[in-house]
PDB file of all heavy atoms in Angstrom:
ATOM      1  N   HIS A   1     127.742-150.138 -20.873  1.00  0.00           N
ATOM      2  CA  HIS A   1     129.206-150.633 -20.428  1.00  0.00           C
ATOM      3  C   HIS A   1     129.576-150.322 -18.974  1.00  0.00           C
ATOM      4  O   HIS A   1     129.053-149.272 -18.363  1.00  0.00           O
ATOM      5  CB  HIS A   1     130.164-149.817 -21.328  1.00  0.00           C
ATOM      6  CG  HIS A   1     130.049-149.987 -22.765  1.00  0.00           C
ATOM      7  ND1 HIS A   1     129.116-149.351 -23.559  1.00  0.00           N
ATOM      8  CD2 HIS A   1     130.545-151.005 -23.641  1.00  0.00           C
ATOM      9  CE1 HIS A   1     129.155-149.818 -24.837  1.00  0.00           C
ATOM     10  NE2 HIS A   1     129.996-150.821 -24.854  1.00  0.00           N
ATOM     11  N   LEU A   2     130.183-151.220 -18.452  1.00  0.00           N
ATOM     12  CA  LEU A   2     130.664-151.229 -16.998  1.00  0.00           C
ATOM     13  C   LEU A   2     132.102-151.664 -16.953  1.00  0.00           C
ATOM     14  O   LEU A   2     132.443-152.894 -17.307  1.00  0.00           O
ATOM     15  CB  LEU A   2     129.760-151.949 -16.163  1.00  0.00           C
ATOM     16  CG  LEU A   2     129.985-151.898 -14.702  1.00  0.00           C
ATOM     17  CD1 LEU A   2     129.744-150.447 -14.151  1.00  0.00           C
ATOM     18  CD2 LEU A   2     129.035-152.794 -13.835  1.00  0.00           C
ATOM     19  N   ASN A   3     132.977-150.808 -16.654  1.00  0.00           N
ATOM     20  CA  ASN A   3     134.460-151.222 -16.427  1.00  0.00           C
ATOM     21  C   ASN A   3     134.897-151.813 -17.764  1.00  0.00           C
ATOM     22  O   ASN A   3     135.709-152.832 -17.945  1.00  0.00           O
ATOM     23  CB  ASN A   3     134.633-152.177 -15.325  1.00  0.00           C
ATOM     24  CG  ASN A   3     134.505-151.510 -13.973  1.00  0.00           C
ATOM     25  OD1 ASN A   3     134.651-150.251 -13.880  1.00  0.00           O
ATOM     26  ND2 ASN A   3     134.363-152.416 -12.980  1.00  0.00           N
ATOM     27  N   GLY A   4     134.542-151.351 -18.917  1.00  0.00           N
ATOM     28  CA  GLY A   4     134.953-151.813 -20.221  1.00  0.00           C
ATOM     29  C   GLY A   4     134.209-152.951 -20.843  1.00  0.00           C
ATOM     30  O   GLY A   4     134.579-153.483 -21.909  1.00  0.00           O
ATOM     31  N   LEU A   5     133.306-153.547 -19.989  1.00  0.00           N
ATOM     32  CA  LEU A   5     132.561-154.717 -20.507  1.00  0.00           C
ATOM     33  C   LEU A   5     131.132-154.245 -21.128  1.00  0.00           C
ATOM     34  O   LEU A   5     130.529-153.400 -20.434  1.00  0.00           O
ATOM     35  CB  LEU A   5     132.324-155.729 -19.422  1.00  0.00           C
ATOM     36  CG  LEU A   5     133.502-156.726 -19.046  1.00  0.00           C
ATOM     37  CD1 LEU A   5     133.060-157.578 -17.753  1.00  0.00           C
ATOM     38  CD2 LEU A   5     133.829-157.519 -20.185  1.00  0.00           C
ATOM     39  N   SER A   6     130.739-154.958 -22.046  1.00  0.00           N
ATOM     40  CA  SER A   6     129.340-154.643 -22.610  1.00  0.00           C
ATOM     41  C   SER A   6     128.465-155.628 -21.806  1.00  0.00           C
ATOM     42  O   SER A   6     128.647-156.696 -21.789  1.00  0.00           O
ATOM     43  CB  SER A   6     129.352-155.035 -24.101  1.00  0.00           C
ATOM     44  OG  SER A   6     130.010-154.099 -24.878  1.00  0.00           O
ATOM     45  N   ILE A   7     127.473-154.944 -21.147  1.00  0.00           N
ATOM     46  CA  ILE A   7     126.663-155.783 -20.220  1.00  0.00           C
ATOM     47  C   ILE A   7     125.071-155.456 -20.452  1.00  0.00           C
ATOM     48  O   ILE A   7     124.783-154.456 -21.006  1.00  0.00           O
ATOM     49  CB  ILE A   7     127.031-155.486 -18.793  1.00  0.00           C
ATOM     50  CG1 ILE A   7     126.426-154.097 -18.302  1.00  0.00           C
ATOM     51  CG2 ILE A   7     128.466-155.603 -18.593  1.00  0.00           C
ATOM     52  CD1 ILE A   7     126.605-154.011 -16.728  1.00  0.00           C
ATOM     53  N   VAL A   8     124.357-156.372 -19.988  1.00  0.00           N
ATOM     54  CA  VAL A   8     122.846-156.108 -19.829  1.00  0.00           C
ATOM     55  C   VAL A   8     122.627-156.365 -18.340  1.00  0.00           C
ATOM     56  O   VAL A   8     122.976-157.334 -17.825  1.00  0.00           O
ATOM     57  CB  VAL A   8     122.046-157.012 -20.795  1.00  0.00           C
ATOM     58  CG1 VAL A   8     122.389-158.502 -20.594  1.00  0.00           C
ATOM     59  CG2 VAL A   8     120.595-156.799 -20.478  1.00  0.00           C
ATOM     60  N   CYS A   9     121.778-155.544 -17.751  1.00  0.00           N
ATOM     61  CA  CYS A   9     121.426-155.636 -16.269  1.00  0.00           C
ATOM     62  C   CYS A   9     119.898-155.732 -16.299  1.00  0.00           C
ATOM     63  O   CYS A   9     119.184-154.943 -16.736  1.00  0.00           O
ATOM     64  CB  CYS A   9     121.930-154.335 -15.586  1.00  0.00           C
ATOM     65  SG  CYS A   9     121.858-154.434 -13.859  1.00  0.00           S
ATOM     66  N   MET A  10     119.540-156.765 -15.615  1.00  0.00           N
ATOM     67  CA  MET A  10     118.148-157.044 -15.426  1.00  0.00           C
ATOM     68  C   MET A  10     117.811-156.331 -13.974  1.00  0.00           C
ATOM     69  O   MET A  10     117.942-156.857 -12.877  1.00  0.00           O
ATOM     70  CB  MET A  10     117.894-158.545 -15.239  1.00  0.00           C
ATOM     71  CG  MET A  10     116.423-158.894 -15.435  1.00  0.00           C
ATOM     72  SD  MET A  10     116.260-160.665 -15.590  1.00  0.00           S
ATOM     73  CE  MET A  10     114.451-160.824 -15.594  1.00  0.00           C
ATOM     74  N   GLN A  11     117.054-155.171 -14.156  1.00  0.00           N
ATOM     75  CA  GLN A  11     116.794-154.371 -12.917  1.00  0.00           C
ATOM     76  C   GLN A  11     115.502-154.765 -12.382  1.00  0.00           C
ATOM     77  O   GLN A  11     114.377-154.299 -12.607  1.00  0.00           O
ATOM     78  CB  GLN A  11     116.726-152.906 -13.287  1.00  0.00           C
ATOM     79  CG  GLN A  11     116.830-151.982 -12.213  1.00  0.00           C
ATOM     80  CD  GLN A  11     117.011-150.408 -12.745  1.00  0.00           C
ATOM     81  OE1 GLN A  11     116.424-150.071 -13.641  1.00  0.00           O
ATOM     82  NE2 GLN A  11     117.807-149.708 -12.021  1.00  0.00           N
ATOM     83  N   GLY A  12     115.476-155.840 -11.564  1.00  0.00           N
ATOM     84  CA  GLY A  12     114.355-156.490 -11.027  1.00  0.00           C
ATOM     85  C   GLY A  12     114.031-157.778 -11.735  1.00  0.00           C
ATOM     86  O   GLY A  12     114.286-157.972 -12.943  1.00  0.00           O
ATOM     87  N   ARG A  13     113.705-158.845 -10.960  1.00  0.00           N
ATOM     88  CA  ARG A  13     113.453-160.099 -11.527  1.00  0.00           C
ATOM     89  C   ARG A  13     112.203-160.647 -11.129  1.00  0.00           C
ATOM     90  O   ARG A  13     111.395-160.073 -10.549  1.00  0.00           O
ATOM     91  CB  ARG A  13     114.620-161.132 -11.158  1.00  0.00           C
ATOM     92  CG  ARG A  13     114.813-161.283  -9.643  1.00  0.00           C
ATOM     93  CD  ARG A  13     115.938-162.027  -9.226  1.00  0.00           C
ATOM     94  NE  ARG A  13     116.173-162.253  -7.865  1.00  0.00           N
ATOM     95  CZ  ARG A  13     115.617-163.364  -7.173  1.00  0.00           C
ATOM     96  NH1 ARG A  13     114.966-164.297  -7.899  1.00  0.00           N
ATOM     97  NH2 ARG A  13     115.901-163.559  -6.011  1.00  0.00           N
ATOM     98  N   PHE A  14     111.851-161.900 -11.445  1.00  0.00           N
ATOM     99  CA  PHE A  14     110.521-162.577 -11.229  1.00  0.00           C
ATOM    100  C   PHE A  14     110.668-163.716 -10.187  1.00  0.00           C
ATOM    101  O   PHE A  14     111.743-164.266 -10.038  1.00  0.00           O
ATOM    102  CB  PHE A  14     109.962-163.056 -12.603  1.00  0.00           C
ATOM    103  CG  PHE A  14     110.273-162.102 -13.677  1.00  0.00           C
ATOM    104  CD1 PHE A  14     110.954-162.531 -14.800  1.00  0.00           C
ATOM    105  CD2 PHE A  14     109.673-160.950 -13.694  1.00  0.00           C
ATOM    106  CE1 PHE A  14     111.127-161.656 -15.875  1.00  0.00           C
ATOM    107  CE2 PHE A  14     109.876-160.106 -14.785  1.00  0.00           C
ATOM    108  CZ  PHE A  14     110.684-160.470 -15.856  1.00  0.00           C
ATOM    109  N   HIS A  15     109.609-164.064  -9.557  1.00  0.00           N
ATOM    110  CA  HIS A  15     109.548-165.061  -8.472  1.00  0.00           C
ATOM    111  C   HIS A  15     108.327-165.826  -8.657  1.00  0.00           C
ATOM    112  O   HIS A  15     107.373-165.291  -9.006  1.00  0.00           O
ATOM    113  CB  HIS A  15     109.570-164.402  -7.098  1.00  0.00           C
ATOM    114  CG  HIS A  15     110.562-163.247  -6.919  1.00  0.00           C
ATOM    115  ND1 HIS A  15     110.347-161.994  -7.425  1.00  0.00           N
ATOM    116  CD2 HIS A  15     111.732-163.295  -6.214  1.00  0.00           C
ATOM    117  CE1 HIS A  15     111.394-161.262  -7.145  1.00  0.00           C
ATOM    118  NE2 HIS A  15     112.266-161.928  -6.460  1.00  0.00           N
ATOM    119  N   PRO A  16     108.366-167.128  -8.320  1.00  0.00           N
ATOM    120  CA  PRO A  16     107.219-167.985  -8.442  1.00  0.00           C
ATOM    121  C   PRO A  16     106.092-167.425  -7.480  1.00  0.00           C
ATOM    122  O   PRO A  16     104.961-167.696  -7.890  1.00  0.00           O
ATOM    123  CB  PRO A  16     107.730-169.387  -7.931  1.00  0.00           C
ATOM    124  CG  PRO A  16     109.214-169.349  -8.318  1.00  0.00           C
ATOM    125  CD  PRO A  16     109.571-167.975  -8.097  1.00  0.00           C
ATOM    126  N   TYR A  17     106.440-166.861  -6.361  1.00  0.00           N
ATOM    127  CA  TYR A  17     105.376-166.376  -5.506  1.00  0.00           C
ATOM    128  C   TYR A  17     104.524-165.155  -6.156  1.00  0.00           C
ATOM    129  O   TYR A  17     103.398-164.813  -5.642  1.00  0.00           O
ATOM    130  CB  TYR A  17     105.877-166.003  -4.130  1.00  0.00           C
ATOM    131  CG  TYR A  17     106.802-164.796  -4.035  1.00  0.00           C
ATOM    132  CD1 TYR A  17     106.441-163.515  -4.149  1.00  0.00           C
ATOM    133  CD2 TYR A  17     108.195-164.930  -3.910  1.00  0.00           C
ATOM    134  CE1 TYR A  17     107.259-162.422  -4.214  1.00  0.00           C
ATOM    135  CE2 TYR A  17     109.039-163.842  -3.793  1.00  0.00           C
ATOM    136  CZ  TYR A  17     108.519-162.595  -3.913  1.00  0.00           C
ATOM    137  OH  TYR A  17     109.420-161.552  -3.892  1.00  0.00           O
ATOM    138  N   GLU A  18     105.073-164.623  -7.194  1.00  0.00           N
ATOM    139  CA  GLU A  18     104.233-163.662  -8.048  1.00  0.00           C
ATOM    140  C   GLU A  18     103.223-164.278  -8.851  1.00  0.00           C
ATOM    141  O   GLU A  18     102.314-163.573  -9.466  1.00  0.00           O
ATOM    142  CB  GLU A  18     105.179-162.748  -8.815  1.00  0.00           C
ATOM    143  CG  GLU A  18     106.097-161.896  -7.986  1.00  0.00           C
ATOM    144  CD  GLU A  18     107.152-161.154  -8.894  1.00  0.00           C
ATOM    145  OE1 GLU A  18     106.613-160.043  -9.433  1.00  0.00           O
ATOM    146  OE2 GLU A  18     108.258-161.540  -9.086  1.00  0.00           O
ATOM    147  N   GLY A  19     103.337-165.662  -9.006  1.00  0.00           N
ATOM    148  CA  GLY A  19     102.419-166.200  -9.832  1.00  0.00           C
ATOM    149  C   GLY A  19     102.914-166.821 -11.134  1.00  0.00           C
ATOM    150  O   GLY A  19     102.234-167.534 -11.960  1.00  0.00           O
ATOM    151  N   TYR A  20     104.210-166.710 -11.239  1.00  0.00           N
ATOM    152  CA  TYR A  20     104.943-167.197 -12.389  1.00  0.00           C
ATOM    153  C   TYR A  20     105.517-168.603 -12.182  1.00  0.00           C
ATOM    154  O   TYR A  20     105.862-168.904 -11.222  1.00  0.00           O
ATOM    155  CB  TYR A  20     106.114-166.251 -12.819  1.00  0.00           C
ATOM    156  CG  TYR A  20     105.728-164.885 -13.184  1.00  0.00           C
ATOM    157  CD1 TYR A  20     106.348-163.738 -12.496  1.00  0.00           C
ATOM    158  CD2 TYR A  20     104.763-164.591 -14.165  1.00  0.00           C
ATOM    159  CE1 TYR A  20     105.944-162.489 -12.880  1.00  0.00           C
ATOM    160  CE2 TYR A  20     104.371-163.279 -14.361  1.00  0.00           C
ATOM    161  CZ  TYR A  20     104.917-162.212 -13.797  1.00  0.00           C
ATOM    162  OH  TYR A  20     104.461-160.961 -14.068  1.00  0.00           O
ATOM    163  N   SER A  21     105.553-169.377 -13.290  1.00  0.00           N
ATOM    164  CA  SER A  21     106.134-170.733 -13.279  1.00  0.00           C
ATOM    165  C   SER A  21     107.656-170.619 -13.126  1.00  0.00           C
ATOM    166  O   SER A  21     108.219-169.501 -13.415  1.00  0.00           O
ATOM    167  CB  SER A  21     105.797-171.483 -14.443  1.00  0.00           C
ATOM    168  OG  SER A  21     106.356-170.954 -15.597  1.00  0.00           O
ATOM    169  N   GLN A  22     108.275-171.732 -12.675  1.00  0.00           N
ATOM    170  CA  GLN A  22     109.679-171.536 -12.537  1.00  0.00           C
ATOM    171  C   GLN A  22     110.439-171.490 -13.899  1.00  0.00           C
ATOM    172  O   GLN A  22     111.364-170.690 -14.101  1.00  0.00           O
ATOM    173  CB  GLN A  22     110.179-173.011 -12.044  1.00  0.00           C
ATOM    174  CG  GLN A  22     109.701-173.325 -10.596  1.00  0.00           C
ATOM    175  CD  GLN A  22     110.669-172.956  -9.546  1.00  0.00           C
ATOM    176  OE1 GLN A  22     111.784-172.612  -9.790  1.00  0.00           O
ATOM    177  NE2 GLN A  22     110.264-173.191  -8.241  1.00  0.00           N
ATOM    178  N   ALA A  23     109.702-172.030 -14.930  1.00  0.00           N
ATOM    179  CA  ALA A  23     110.297-171.894 -16.304  1.00  0.00           C
ATOM    180  C   ALA A  23     110.264-170.315 -16.765  1.00  0.00           C
ATOM    181  O   ALA A  23     111.125-169.883 -17.487  1.00  0.00           O
ATOM    182  CB  ALA A  23     109.491-172.770 -17.263  1.00  0.00           C
ATOM    183  N   LEU A  24     109.208-169.676 -16.377  1.00  0.00           N
ATOM    184  CA  LEU A  24     108.981-168.334 -16.839  1.00  0.00           C
ATOM    185  C   LEU A  24     109.839-167.513 -16.120  1.00  0.00           C
ATOM    186  O   LEU A  24     110.494-166.485 -16.684  1.00  0.00           O
ATOM    187  CB  LEU A  24     107.595-167.856 -16.621  1.00  0.00           C
ATOM    188  CG  LEU A  24     107.163-166.569 -17.288  1.00  0.00           C
ATOM    189  CD1 LEU A  24     107.445-166.656 -18.903  1.00  0.00           C
ATOM    190  CD2 LEU A  24     105.686-166.253 -17.019  1.00  0.00           C
ATOM    191  N   CYS A  25     110.225-167.696 -14.940  1.00  0.00           N
ATOM    192  CA  CYS A  25     111.073-167.041 -14.082  1.00  0.00           C
ATOM    193  C   CYS A  25     112.602-167.041 -14.678  1.00  0.00           C
ATOM    194  O   CYS A  25     113.367-166.097 -14.508  1.00  0.00           O
ATOM    195  CB  CYS A  25     111.222-167.447 -12.624  1.00  0.00           C
ATOM    196  SG  CYS A  25     109.690-167.038 -11.700  1.00  0.00           S
ATOM    197  N   SER A  26     113.006-168.166 -15.330  1.00  0.00           N
ATOM    198  CA  SER A  26     114.313-168.405 -15.788  1.00  0.00           C
ATOM    199  C   SER A  26     114.417-168.000 -17.251  1.00  0.00           C
ATOM    200  O   SER A  26     115.358-167.969 -17.917  1.00  0.00           O
ATOM    201  CB  SER A  26     114.773-169.813 -15.648  1.00  0.00           C
ATOM    202  OG  SER A  26     113.855-170.778 -16.155  1.00  0.00           O
ATOM    203  N   MET A  27     113.257-167.729 -17.959  1.00  0.00           N
ATOM    204  CA  MET A  27     113.133-167.475 -19.307  1.00  0.00           C
ATOM    205  C   MET A  27     114.097-166.383 -19.871  1.00  0.00           C
ATOM    206  O   MET A  27     114.665-166.457 -20.855  1.00  0.00           O
ATOM    207  CB  MET A  27     111.689-167.228 -19.867  1.00  0.00           C
ATOM    208  CG  MET A  27     111.560-167.073 -21.323  1.00  0.00           C
ATOM    209  SD  MET A  27     111.650-165.327 -21.669  1.00  0.00           S
ATOM    210  CE  MET A  27     110.164-164.613 -20.957  1.00  0.00           C
ATOM    211  N   PRO A  28     114.325-165.329 -19.072  1.00  0.00           N
ATOM    212  CA  PRO A  28     115.182-164.263 -19.552  1.00  0.00           C
ATOM    213  C   PRO A  28     116.576-164.652 -19.775  1.00  0.00           C
ATOM    214  O   PRO A  28     117.212-164.126 -20.633  1.00  0.00           O
ATOM    215  CB  PRO A  28     115.136-163.204 -18.466  1.00  0.00           C
ATOM    216  CG  PRO A  28     113.712-163.379 -17.922  1.00  0.00           C
ATOM    217  CD  PRO A  28     113.565-164.837 -17.882  1.00  0.00           C
ATOM    218  N   ILE A  29     117.039-165.777 -19.026  1.00  0.00           N
ATOM    219  CA  ILE A  29     118.403-166.227 -19.261  1.00  0.00           C
ATOM    220  C   ILE A  29     118.564-166.747 -20.628  1.00  0.00           C
ATOM    221  O   ILE A  29     119.647-166.554 -21.218  1.00  0.00           O
ATOM    222  CB  ILE A  29     118.720-167.264 -18.162  1.00  0.00           C
ATOM    223  CG1 ILE A  29     118.750-166.518 -16.726  1.00  0.00           C
ATOM    224  CG2 ILE A  29     120.137-167.856 -18.515  1.00  0.00           C
ATOM    225  CD1 ILE A  29     119.008-167.480 -15.627  1.00  0.00           C
ATOM    226  N   LYS A  30     117.441-167.445 -21.153  1.00  0.00           N
ATOM    227  CA  LYS A  30     117.639-167.867 -22.589  1.00  0.00           C
ATOM    228  C   LYS A  30     117.742-166.725 -23.568  1.00  0.00           C
ATOM    229  O   LYS A  30     118.470-166.796 -24.523  1.00  0.00           O
ATOM    230  CB  LYS A  30     116.349-168.733 -22.837  1.00  0.00           C
ATOM    231  CG  LYS A  30     116.243-170.083 -22.089  1.00  0.00           C
ATOM    232  CD  LYS A  30     114.995-170.781 -22.361  1.00  0.00           C
ATOM    233  CE  LYS A  30     114.838-172.110 -21.649  1.00  0.00           C
ATOM    234  NZ  LYS A  30     113.670-172.844 -21.807  1.00  0.00           N
ATOM    235  N   ILE A  31     117.045-165.703 -23.241  1.00  0.00           N
ATOM    236  CA  ILE A  31     117.126-164.455 -24.041  1.00  0.00           C
ATOM    237  C   ILE A  31     118.540-163.912 -24.023  1.00  0.00           C
ATOM    238  O   ILE A  31     119.118-163.604 -25.056  1.00  0.00           O
ATOM    239  CB  ILE A  31     116.024-163.485 -23.553  1.00  0.00           C
ATOM    240  CG1 ILE A  31     114.653-163.935 -23.904  1.00  0.00           C
ATOM    241  CG2 ILE A  31     116.307-162.140 -24.285  1.00  0.00           C
ATOM    242  CD1 ILE A  31     113.618-163.026 -23.374  1.00  0.00           C
ATOM    243  N   PHE A  32     119.155-163.874 -22.821  1.00  0.00           N
ATOM    244  CA  PHE A  32     120.502-163.324 -22.712  1.00  0.00           C
ATOM    245  C   PHE A  32     121.452-164.106 -23.588  1.00  0.00           C
ATOM    246  O   PHE A  32     122.455-163.650 -24.161  1.00  0.00           O
ATOM    247  CB  PHE A  32     120.861-163.338 -21.326  1.00  0.00           C
ATOM    248  CG  PHE A  32     120.014-162.387 -20.353  1.00  0.00           C
ATOM    249  CD1 PHE A  32     120.004-162.543 -19.024  1.00  0.00           C
ATOM    250  CD2 PHE A  32     119.431-161.277 -21.020  1.00  0.00           C
ATOM    251  CE1 PHE A  32     119.198-161.755 -18.265  1.00  0.00           C
ATOM    252  CE2 PHE A  32     118.722-160.332 -20.157  1.00  0.00           C
ATOM    253  CZ  PHE A  32     118.663-160.650 -18.801  1.00  0.00           C
ATOM    254  N   LYS A  33     121.278-165.492 -23.590  1.00  0.00           N
ATOM    255  CA  LYS A  33     122.047-166.373 -24.288  1.00  0.00           C
ATOM    256  C   LYS A  33     121.949-166.123 -25.849  1.00  0.00           C
ATOM    257  O   LYS A  33     123.041-165.936 -26.403  1.00  0.00           O
ATOM    258  CB  LYS A  33     121.656-167.860 -24.134  1.00  0.00           C
ATOM    259  CG  LYS A  33     122.388-168.840 -25.025  1.00  0.00           C
ATOM    260  CD  LYS A  33     121.877-170.232 -24.856  1.00  0.00           C
ATOM    261  CE  LYS A  33     122.486-171.284 -25.781  1.00  0.00           C
ATOM    262  NZ  LYS A  33     123.905-171.400 -25.719  1.00  0.00           N
ATOM    263  N   LEU A  34     120.881-165.727 -26.377  1.00  0.00           N
ATOM    264  CA  LEU A  34     120.731-165.503 -27.766  1.00  0.00           C
ATOM    265  C   LEU A  34     121.204-164.098 -28.033  1.00  0.00           C
ATOM    266  O   LEU A  34     121.574-163.753 -29.117  1.00  0.00           O
ATOM    267  CB  LEU A  34     119.274-165.697 -28.169  1.00  0.00           C
ATOM    268  CG  LEU A  34     118.824-167.097 -28.045  1.00  0.00           C
ATOM    269  CD1 LEU A  34     117.425-167.164 -28.849  1.00  0.00           C
ATOM    270  CD2 LEU A  34     119.752-168.048 -28.659  1.00  0.00           C
ATOM    271  N   LEU A  35     121.194-163.114 -27.007  1.00  0.00           N
ATOM    272  CA  LEU A  35     121.783-161.884 -27.248  1.00  0.00           C
ATOM    273  C   LEU A  35     123.317-161.837 -27.223  1.00  0.00           C
ATOM    274  O   LEU A  35     123.882-160.858 -27.714  1.00  0.00           O
ATOM    275  CB  LEU A  35     121.266-160.945 -26.119  1.00  0.00           C
ATOM    276  CG  LEU A  35     119.880-160.412 -26.243  1.00  0.00           C
ATOM    277  CD1 LEU A  35     119.466-159.714 -25.029  1.00  0.00           C
ATOM    278  CD2 LEU A  35     119.483-159.668 -27.471  1.00  0.00           C
ATOM    279  N   GLY A  36     123.870-162.984 -26.882  1.00  0.00           N
ATOM    280  CA  GLY A  36     125.339-163.047 -26.916  1.00  0.00           C
ATOM    281  C   GLY A  36     126.082-163.203 -25.590  1.00  0.00           C
ATOM    282  O   GLY A  36     127.287-163.298 -25.551  1.00  0.00           O
ATOM    283  N   CYS A  37     125.395-163.218 -24.430  1.00  0.00           N
ATOM    284  CA  CYS A  37     126.002-163.239 -23.167  1.00  0.00           C
ATOM    285  C   CYS A  37     126.738-164.510 -23.022  1.00  0.00           C
ATOM    286  O   CYS A  37     126.265-165.652 -23.189  1.00  0.00           O
ATOM    287  CB  CYS A  37     125.054-163.038 -22.029  1.00  0.00           C
ATOM    288  SG  CYS A  37     124.279-161.402 -21.957  1.00  0.00           S
ATOM    289  N   LYS A  38     127.956-164.472 -22.313  1.00  0.00           N
ATOM    290  CA  LYS A  38     128.805-165.615 -22.104  1.00  0.00           C
ATOM    291  C   LYS A  38     128.743-165.923 -20.692  1.00  0.00           C
ATOM    292  O   LYS A  38     128.993-167.136 -20.256  1.00  0.00           O
ATOM    293  CB  LYS A  38     130.216-165.529 -22.677  1.00  0.00           C
ATOM    294  CG  LYS A  38     130.287-165.233 -24.071  1.00  0.00           C
ATOM    295  CD  LYS A  38     129.703-166.517 -24.889  1.00  0.00           C
ATOM    296  CE  LYS A  38     130.079-166.258 -26.441  1.00  0.00           C
ATOM    297  NZ  LYS A  38     129.500-164.944 -26.939  1.00  0.00           N
ATOM    298  N   LEU A  39     128.541-164.987 -19.860  1.00  0.00           N
ATOM    299  CA  LEU A  39     128.648-165.034 -18.318  1.00  0.00           C
ATOM    300  C   LEU A  39     127.383-164.402 -17.761  1.00  0.00           C
ATOM    301  O   LEU A  39     126.870-163.476 -18.263  1.00  0.00           O
ATOM    302  CB  LEU A  39     129.869-164.431 -17.695  1.00  0.00           C
ATOM    303  CG  LEU A  39     131.248-165.142 -18.145  1.00  0.00           C
ATOM    304  CD1 LEU A  39     132.363-164.238 -17.709  1.00  0.00           C
ATOM    305  CD2 LEU A  39     131.417-166.530 -17.552  1.00  0.00           C
TER     306      LEU A  39
END
C-alpha cells in the first residue's frame, strides 16, 4: 500500500537490448491487467 492505494511495483524492467522481444518486455502489463490494475 502507498498513500492508501493497493499497488504493485515492478522493481526493475526488461529491455530489448537484453535480448528480449518487444512483446516479452511488455508482457508483465498483461499480467497486471489480470491482477486487477486499472492504472
